[in-house]
Amino acid sequence: LPCEIPGCGWKEATRDIHHLVAVTDGGKNTLDNVIVVCPNHHRMFHHNLISEEAVKTAFKLRLSHHPELYTQEQDARAGN
């Protein structure tokens, strides 16, 4: 799976899983709480440099490409 941040051209094999709500803060290991990102975008998340709009767009793209993963939680995360 490529980096889910729209427009990212990361071509390396390495991917990170970022929790939108940290597990230590009660976040779950569920598709509506994780996003696959390249190491650069992962660091940006931890420095609050990724916009909520980019996350919403990423979830909308994920849902459009993988409707079998659809849940109401993901729909809410995508802003619907």
Protein backbone atom coordinates (compact mmCIF):
# COMPACT_ATOMS: atom_id res chain seq x y z
CA LEU A 1 0.00 0.00 0.00
CA PRO A 2 1.47 3.38 -0.92
CA CYS A 3 1.58 6.39 1.37
CA GLU A 4 -2.05 7.49 1.77
CA ILE A 5 -1.30 11.23 1.90
CA PRO A 6 -2.62 12.65 -1.39
CA GLY A 7 0.12 13.59 -3.82
CA CYS A 8 2.90 11.69 -2.08
CA GLY A 9 5.28 10.14 -4.56
CA TRP A 10 7.13 7.92 -2.08
CA LYS A 11 8.38 4.88 -3.99
CA GLU A 12 10.53 3.16 -1.34
CA ALA A 13 9.47 -0.13 0.23
CA THR A 14 9.26 1.31 3.74
CA ARG A 15 5.84 2.31 5.10
CA ASP A 16 4.74 3.33 8.57
CA ILE A 17 1.40 2.96 10.30
CA HIS A 18 0.36 6.12 12.12
CA HIS A 19 -2.39 6.07 14.76
CA LEU A 20 -4.54 9.19 14.50
CA VAL A 21 -5.41 8.77 18.19
CA ALA A 22 -2.45 7.19 19.99
CA VAL A 23 -3.05 3.83 21.62
CA THR A 24 -1.78 5.34 24.88
CA ASP A 25 -4.61 7.89 24.58
CA GLY A 26 -7.28 5.24 24.02
CA GLY A 27 -6.94 4.89 20.25
CA LYS A 28 -7.70 1.53 18.68
CA ASN A 29 -5.84 -0.59 16.13
CA THR A 30 -8.70 -0.18 13.65
CA LEU A 31 -8.81 1.07 10.06
CA ASP A 32 -10.65 4.22 11.10
CA ASN A 33 -7.75 5.15 13.42
CA VAL A 34 -4.69 4.27 11.34
CA ILE A 35 -3.20 5.62 8.15
CA VAL A 36 -0.38 4.17 6.04
CA VAL A 37 2.28 6.79 5.42
CA CYS A 38 5.85 7.14 4.26
CA PRO A 39 8.45 7.88 6.96
CA ASN A 40 8.52 11.57 5.96
CA HIS A 41 4.77 12.03 6.43
CA HIS A 42 4.91 10.02 9.65
CA ARG A 43 7.40 12.52 11.11
CA MET A 44 5.19 15.35 9.86
CA PHE A 45 2.20 13.86 11.74
CA HIS A 46 4.21 13.87 14.96
CA HIS A 47 5.07 17.55 14.42
CA ASN A 48 1.41 18.45 13.65
CA LEU A 49 2.24 19.36 10.04
CA ILE A 50 -0.46 17.23 8.36
CA SER A 51 -3.81 18.97 7.94
CA GLU A 52 -7.11 17.40 8.93
CA GLU A 53 -8.20 18.01 5.32
CA ALA A 54 -5.35 15.81 4.04
CA VAL A 55 -6.47 13.04 6.40
CA LYS A 56 -10.10 13.37 5.25
CA THR A 57 -9.00 13.20 1.61
CA ALA A 58 -6.84 10.13 2.35
CA PHE A 59 -9.79 8.33 3.97
CA LYS A 60 -12.12 9.24 1.09
CA LEU A 61 -9.58 7.84 -1.39
CA ARG A 62 -9.16 4.68 0.70
CA LEU A 63 -12.93 4.17 0.77
CA SER A 64 -13.30 4.77 -2.96
CA HIS A 65 -10.51 2.29 -3.78
CA HIS A 66 -11.46 -0.30 -1.12
CA PRO A 67 -15.22 -0.13 -0.47
CA GLU A 68 -15.05 -3.54 1.22
CA LEU A 69 -13.33 -1.77 4.14
CA TYR A 70 -16.25 0.61 4.64
CA THR A 71 -17.50 1.26 8.16
CA GLN A 72 -19.53 4.08 9.63
CA GLU A 73 -16.49 5.17 11.62
CA GLN A 74 -14.44 5.57 8.45
CA ASP A 75 -17.27 7.48 6.82
CA ALA A 76 -17.29 9.84 9.81
CA ARG A 77 -13.49 10.21 9.66
CA ALA A 78 -13.78 11.13 5.97
CA GLY A 79 -16.16 13.92 6.93
CA ASN A 80 -19.37 12.37 5.58
